Structures are given as structure tokens and as C-alpha cells.
């Protein structure tokens, strides 16, 4: 399941949310993602590096 990084604009805390792609799109669009520390919905999606693993050997 994908992990999405956010930063709360109220308390400045960074946090990670695990959601399916569909759930993430829906919750992000409706501003339902909340900071776990202060419960503010004023959060910003952070673009971080991507880590991908496969079962194939290179």
C-alpha cells in the first residue's frame, strides 16, 4: 500500500499516511486528511523520493 508524506501547516509536524491510491485521491480532494498531533486539516502533501521493489533480480 502506498505511503504519502504530509506536513501540517498548523503545528509543522511531518507525518505519513498509508492509503490506497483511490482512498488518497478522495481524502486529499475533500481535505479529510488530518494531522495526528493537532487534528488540523491544513496539511500539505510532500513530494519525497520513491522507493520501488520488485521480485525480479537485475
PDB file of N, CA and C in Angstrom:
ATOM      1  N   UNK A   1       0.849  -1.172   0.000  1.00  0.00           N
ATOM      2  CA  UNK A   1       0.000   0.000   0.000  1.00  0.00           C
ATOM      3  C   UNK A   1       0.901   1.244   0.000  1.00  0.00           C
ATOM      4  N   UNK A   2       0.563   2.230  -0.813  1.00  0.00           N
ATOM      5  CA  UNK A   2       1.390   3.440  -0.885  1.00  0.00           C
ATOM      6  C   UNK A   2       1.385   4.238   0.417  1.00  0.00           C
ATOM      7  N   UNK A   3       2.481   4.923   0.642  1.00  0.00           N
ATOM      8  CA  UNK A   3       2.608   5.818   1.793  1.00  0.00           C
ATOM      9  C   UNK A   3       2.745   7.241   1.263  1.00  0.00           C
ATOM     10  N   UNK A   4       2.050   8.167   1.902  1.00  0.00           N
ATOM     11  CA  UNK A   4       2.063   9.563   1.486  1.00  0.00           C
ATOM     12  C   UNK A   4       2.559  10.420   2.644  1.00  0.00           C
ATOM     13  N   UNK A   5       3.501  11.295   2.342  1.00  0.00           N
ATOM     14  CA  UNK A   5       4.068  12.171   3.364  1.00  0.00           C
ATOM     15  C   UNK A   5       3.377  13.527   3.329  1.00  0.00           C
ATOM     16  N   UNK A   6       3.098  14.032   4.529  1.00  0.00           N
ATOM     17  CA  UNK A   6       2.425  15.319   4.682  1.00  0.00           C
ATOM     18  C   UNK A   6       3.132  16.145   5.730  1.00  0.00           C
ATOM     19  N   UNK A   7       2.885  17.445   5.668  1.00  0.00           N
ATOM     20  CA  UNK A   7       3.347  18.361   6.713  1.00  0.00           C
ATOM     21  C   UNK A   7       2.162  19.213   7.136  1.00  0.00           C
ATOM     22  N   UNK A   8       1.951  19.291   8.428  1.00  0.00           N
ATOM     23  CA  UNK A   8       0.866  20.091   8.979  1.00  0.00           C
ATOM     24  C   UNK A   8       1.285  21.560   8.953  1.00  0.00           C
ATOM     25  N   UNK A   9       0.436  22.414   8.418  1.00  0.00           N
ATOM     26  CA  UNK A   9       0.730  23.840   8.367  1.00  0.00           C
ATOM     27  C   UNK A   9       0.486  24.512   9.718  1.00  0.00           C
ATOM     28  N   UNK A  10      -0.261  23.875  10.589  1.00  0.00           N
ATOM     29  CA  UNK A  10      -0.553  24.451  11.909  1.00  0.00           C
ATOM     30  C   UNK A  10       0.565  24.192  12.914  1.00  0.00           C
ATOM     31  N   UNK A  11       0.941  22.919  13.073  1.00  0.00           N
ATOM     32  CA  UNK A  11       1.955  22.585  14.084  1.00  0.00           C
ATOM     33  C   UNK A  11       3.316  22.223  13.482  1.00  0.00           C
ATOM     34  N   UNK A  12       3.415  22.202  12.152  1.00  0.00           N
ATOM     35  CA  UNK A  12       4.672  21.948  11.417  1.00  0.00           C
ATOM     36  C   UNK A  12       5.181  20.515  11.524  1.00  0.00           C
ATOM     37  N   UNK A  13       4.360  19.612  11.989  1.00  0.00           N
ATOM     38  CA  UNK A  13       4.773  18.215  12.126  1.00  0.00           C
ATOM     39  C   UNK A  13       4.679  17.502  10.774  1.00  0.00           C
ATOM     40  N   UNK A  14       5.667  16.642  10.481  1.00  0.00           N
ATOM     41  CA  UNK A  14       5.618  15.791   9.294  1.00  0.00           C
ATOM     42  C   UNK A  14       5.050  14.444   9.714  1.00  0.00           C
ATOM     43  N   UNK A  15       4.227  13.853   8.846  1.00  0.00           N
ATOM     44  CA  UNK A  15       3.656  12.548   9.149  1.00  0.00           C
ATOM     45  C   UNK A  15       3.390  11.790   7.861  1.00  0.00           C
ATOM     46  N   UNK A  16       3.197  10.488   7.997  1.00  0.00           N
ATOM     47  CA  UNK A  16       2.973   9.600   6.861  1.00  0.00           C
ATOM     48  C   UNK A  16       1.612   8.947   6.983  1.00  0.00           C
ATOM     49  N   UNK A  17       0.930   8.842   5.837  1.00  0.00           N
ATOM     50  CA  UNK A  17      -0.389   8.218   5.784  1.00  0.00           C
ATOM     51  C   UNK A  17      -0.316   7.055   4.801  1.00  0.00           C
ATOM     52  N   UNK A  18      -0.848   5.894   5.193  1.00  0.00           N
ATOM     53  CA  UNK A  18      -0.919   4.731   4.308  1.00  0.00           C
ATOM     54  C   UNK A  18      -2.351   4.596   3.809  1.00  0.00           C
ATOM     55  N   UNK A  19      -2.524   4.768   2.504  1.00  0.00           N
ATOM     56  CA  UNK A  19      -3.847   4.667   1.884  1.00  0.00           C
ATOM     57  C   UNK A  19      -3.699   4.088   0.489  1.00  0.00           C
ATOM     58  N   UNK A  20      -4.766   3.482   0.002  1.00  0.00           N
ATOM     59  CA  UNK A  20      -4.761   3.065  -1.394  1.00  0.00           C
ATOM     60  C   UNK A  20      -4.769   4.325  -2.258  1.00  0.00           C
ATOM     61  N   UNK A  21      -4.448   4.193  -3.515  1.00  0.00           N
ATOM     62  CA  UNK A  21      -4.423   5.356  -4.408  1.00  0.00           C
ATOM     63  C   UNK A  21      -5.802   5.999  -4.494  1.00  0.00           C
ATOM     64  N   UNK A  22      -6.833   5.203  -4.606  1.00  0.00           N
ATOM     65  CA  UNK A  22      -8.203   5.734  -4.695  1.00  0.00           C
ATOM     66  C   UNK A  22      -8.585   6.451  -3.408  1.00  0.00           C
ATOM     67  N   UNK A  23      -8.299   5.835  -2.255  1.00  0.00           N
ATOM     68  CA  UNK A  23      -8.606   6.471  -0.964  1.00  0.00           C
ATOM     69  C   UNK A  23      -7.857   7.794  -0.813  1.00  0.00           C
ATOM     70  N   UNK A  24      -6.588   7.786  -1.208  1.00  0.00           N
ATOM     71  CA  UNK A  24      -5.787   9.005  -1.087  1.00  0.00           C
ATOM     72  C   UNK A  24      -6.358  10.132  -1.945  1.00  0.00           C
ATOM     73  N   UNK A  25      -6.684   9.836  -3.184  1.00  0.00           N
ATOM     74  CA  UNK A  25      -7.240  10.862  -4.072  1.00  0.00           C
ATOM     75  C   UNK A  25      -8.529  11.441  -3.502  1.00  0.00           C
ATOM     76  N   UNK A  26      -9.391  10.568  -2.999  1.00  0.00           N
ATOM     77  CA  UNK A  26     -10.672  11.017  -2.446  1.00  0.00           C
ATOM     78  C   UNK A  26     -10.474  11.863  -1.184  1.00  0.00           C
ATOM     79  N   UNK A  27      -9.669  11.386  -0.257  1.00  0.00           N
ATOM     80  CA  UNK A  27      -9.476  12.109   1.001  1.00  0.00           C
ATOM     81  C   UNK A  27      -8.709  13.410   0.803  1.00  0.00           C
ATOM     82  N   UNK A  28      -7.743  13.401  -0.101  1.00  0.00           N
ATOM     83  CA  UNK A  28      -6.968  14.606  -0.372  1.00  0.00           C
ATOM     84  C   UNK A  28      -7.852  15.671  -1.027  1.00  0.00           C
ATOM     85  N   UNK A  29      -8.674  15.258  -1.957  1.00  0.00           N
ATOM     86  CA  UNK A  29      -9.575  16.183  -2.657  1.00  0.00           C
ATOM     87  C   UNK A  29     -10.584  16.808  -1.704  1.00  0.00           C
ATOM     88  N   UNK A  30     -11.074  16.025  -0.757  1.00  0.00           N
ATOM     89  CA  UNK A  30     -12.095  16.501   0.187  1.00  0.00           C
ATOM     90  C   UNK A  30     -11.491  17.091   1.465  1.00  0.00           C
ATOM     91  N   UNK A  31     -10.164  17.209   1.518  1.00  0.00           N
ATOM     92  CA  UNK A  31      -9.456  17.767   2.681  1.00  0.00           C
ATOM     93  C   UNK A  31      -9.798  17.015   3.971  1.00  0.00           C
ATOM     94  N   UNK A  32      -9.804  15.680   3.888  1.00  0.00           N
ATOM     95  CA  UNK A  32     -10.128  14.850   5.053  1.00  0.00           C
ATOM     96  C   UNK A  32      -8.889  14.310   5.763  1.00  0.00           C
ATOM     97  N   UNK A  33      -7.720  14.584   5.230  1.00  0.00           N
ATOM     98  CA  UNK A  33      -6.507  14.105   5.874  1.00  0.00           C
ATOM     99  C   UNK A  33      -6.168  15.059   7.011  1.00  0.00           C
ATOM    100  N   UNK A  34      -6.014  14.485   8.215  1.00  0.00           N
ATOM    101  CA  UNK A  34      -5.787  15.289   9.420  1.00  0.00           C
ATOM    102  C   UNK A  34      -4.426  14.995  10.027  1.00  0.00           C
ATOM    103  N   UNK A  35      -3.877  15.998  10.634  1.00  0.00           N
ATOM    104  CA  UNK A  35      -2.630  15.844  11.375  1.00  0.00           C
ATOM    105  C   UNK A  35      -2.903  14.972  12.604  1.00  0.00           C
ATOM    106  N   UNK A  36      -2.080  13.950  12.847  1.00  0.00           N
ATOM    107  CA  UNK A  36      -2.302  13.097  14.021  1.00  0.00           C
ATOM    108  C   UNK A  36      -2.004  13.799  15.348  1.00  0.00           C
ATOM    109  N   UNK A  37      -1.254  14.893  15.305  1.00  0.00           N
ATOM    110  CA  UNK A  37      -0.904  15.599  16.543  1.00  0.00           C
ATOM    111  C   UNK A  37      -1.977  16.620  16.938  1.00  0.00           C
ATOM    112  N   UNK A  38      -2.360  17.492  16.003  1.00  0.00           N
ATOM    113  CA  UNK A  38      -3.285  18.585  16.354  1.00  0.00           C
ATOM    114  C   UNK A  38      -4.650  18.471  15.672  1.00  0.00           C
ATOM    115  N   UNK A  39      -4.837  17.474  14.833  1.00  0.00           N
ATOM    116  CA  UNK A  39      -6.076  17.183  14.082  1.00  0.00           C
ATOM    117  C   UNK A  39      -6.478  18.266  13.082  1.00  0.00           C
ATOM    118  N   UNK A  40      -5.566  19.139  12.742  1.00  0.00           N
ATOM    119  CA  UNK A  40      -5.842  20.154  11.726  1.00  0.00           C
ATOM    120  C   UNK A  40      -5.929  19.499  10.350  1.00  0.00           C
ATOM    121  N   UNK A  41      -6.765  20.038   9.494  1.00  0.00           N
ATOM    122  CA  UNK A  41      -6.842  19.572   8.108  1.00  0.00           C
ATOM    123  C   UNK A  41      -6.025  20.472   7.183  1.00  0.00           C
ATOM    124  N   UNK A  42      -5.310  21.428   7.757  1.00  0.00           N
ATOM    125  CA  UNK A  42      -4.430  22.309   6.979  1.00  0.00           C
ATOM    126  C   UNK A  42      -3.091  21.597   6.793  1.00  0.00           C
ATOM    127  N   UNK A  43      -3.086  20.627   5.893  1.00  0.00           N
ATOM    128  CA  UNK A  43      -1.884  19.833   5.654  1.00  0.00           C
ATOM    129  C   UNK A  43      -1.456  19.969   4.201  1.00  0.00           C
ATOM    130  N   UNK A  44      -0.161  19.794   3.979  1.00  0.00           N
ATOM    131  CA  UNK A  44       0.400  19.920   2.638  1.00  0.00           C
ATOM    132  C   UNK A  44       1.069  18.602   2.266  1.00  0.00           C
ATOM    133  N   UNK A  45       0.753  18.109   1.079  1.00  0.00           N
ATOM    134  CA  UNK A  45       1.341  16.871   0.579  1.00  0.00           C
ATOM    135  C   UNK A  45       2.790  17.147   0.197  1.00  0.00           C
ATOM    136  N   UNK A  46       3.704  16.340   0.720  1.00  0.00           N
ATOM    137  CA  UNK A  46       5.123  16.483   0.409  1.00  0.00           C
ATOM    138  C   UNK A  46       5.500  15.503  -0.685  1.00  0.00           C
ATOM    139  N   UNK A  47       6.306  15.949  -1.604  1.00  0.00           N
ATOM    140  CA  UNK A  47       6.804  15.068  -2.659  1.00  0.00           C
ATOM    141  C   UNK A  47       8.182  14.588  -2.215  1.00  0.00           C
ATOM    142  N   UNK A  48       8.265  13.314  -1.917  1.00  0.00           N
ATOM    143  CA  UNK A  48       9.505  12.708  -1.444  1.00  0.00           C
ATOM    144  C   UNK A  48      10.012  11.738  -2.507  1.00  0.00           C
ATOM    145  N   UNK A  49      11.161  11.164  -2.259  1.00  0.00           N
ATOM    146  CA  UNK A  49      11.703  10.182  -3.186  1.00  0.00           C
ATOM    147  C   UNK A  49      10.843   8.918  -3.178  1.00  0.00           C
ATOM    148  N   UNK A  50      10.912   8.196  -4.265  1.00  0.00           N
ATOM    149  CA  UNK A  50      10.107   6.984  -4.428  1.00  0.00           C
ATOM    150  C   UNK A  50      11.017   5.772  -4.314  1.00  0.00           C
ATOM    151  N   UNK A  51      10.552   4.757  -3.598  1.00  0.00           N
ATOM    152  CA  UNK A  51      11.298   3.522  -3.431  1.00  0.00           C
ATOM    153  C   UNK A  51      10.436   2.386  -3.969  1.00  0.00           C
ATOM    154  N   UNK A  52      10.949   1.695  -4.978  1.00  0.00           N
ATOM    155  CA  UNK A  52      10.180   0.628  -5.614  1.00  0.00           C
ATOM    156  C   UNK A  52      10.959  -0.674  -5.496  1.00  0.00           C
ATOM    157  N   UNK A  53      10.249  -1.746  -5.155  1.00  0.00           N
ATOM    158  CA  UNK A  53      10.877  -3.064  -5.128  1.00  0.00           C
ATOM    159  C   UNK A  53      10.100  -4.001  -6.035  1.00  0.00           C
ATOM    160  N   UNK A  54      10.808  -4.915  -6.626  1.00  0.00           N
ATOM    161  CA  UNK A  54      10.174  -5.926  -7.471  1.00  0.00           C
ATOM    162  C   UNK A  54      10.716  -7.295  -7.067  1.00  0.00           C
ATOM    163  N   UNK A  55      10.085  -8.311  -7.565  1.00  0.00           N
ATOM    164  CA  UNK A  55      10.547  -9.663  -7.258  1.00  0.00           C
ATOM    165  C   UNK A  55      11.617 -10.132  -8.249  1.00  0.00           C
ATOM    166  N   UNK A  56      11.832  -9.370  -9.314  1.00  0.00           N
ATOM    167  CA  UNK A  56      12.827  -9.747 -10.319  1.00  0.00           C
ATOM    168  C   UNK A  56      14.221  -9.317  -9.882  1.00  0.00           C
ATOM    169  N   UNK A  57      15.185 -10.168 -10.194  1.00  0.00           N
ATOM    170  CA  UNK A  57      16.577  -9.825  -9.909  1.00  0.00           C
ATOM    171  C   UNK A  57      17.162  -9.140 -11.132  1.00  0.00           C
ATOM    172  N   UNK A  58      18.027  -8.157 -10.888  1.00  0.00           N
ATOM    173  CA  UNK A  58      18.611  -7.450 -12.023  1.00  0.00           C
ATOM    174  C   UNK A  58      19.869  -8.102 -12.517  1.00  0.00           C
TER     175      UNK A  58
END
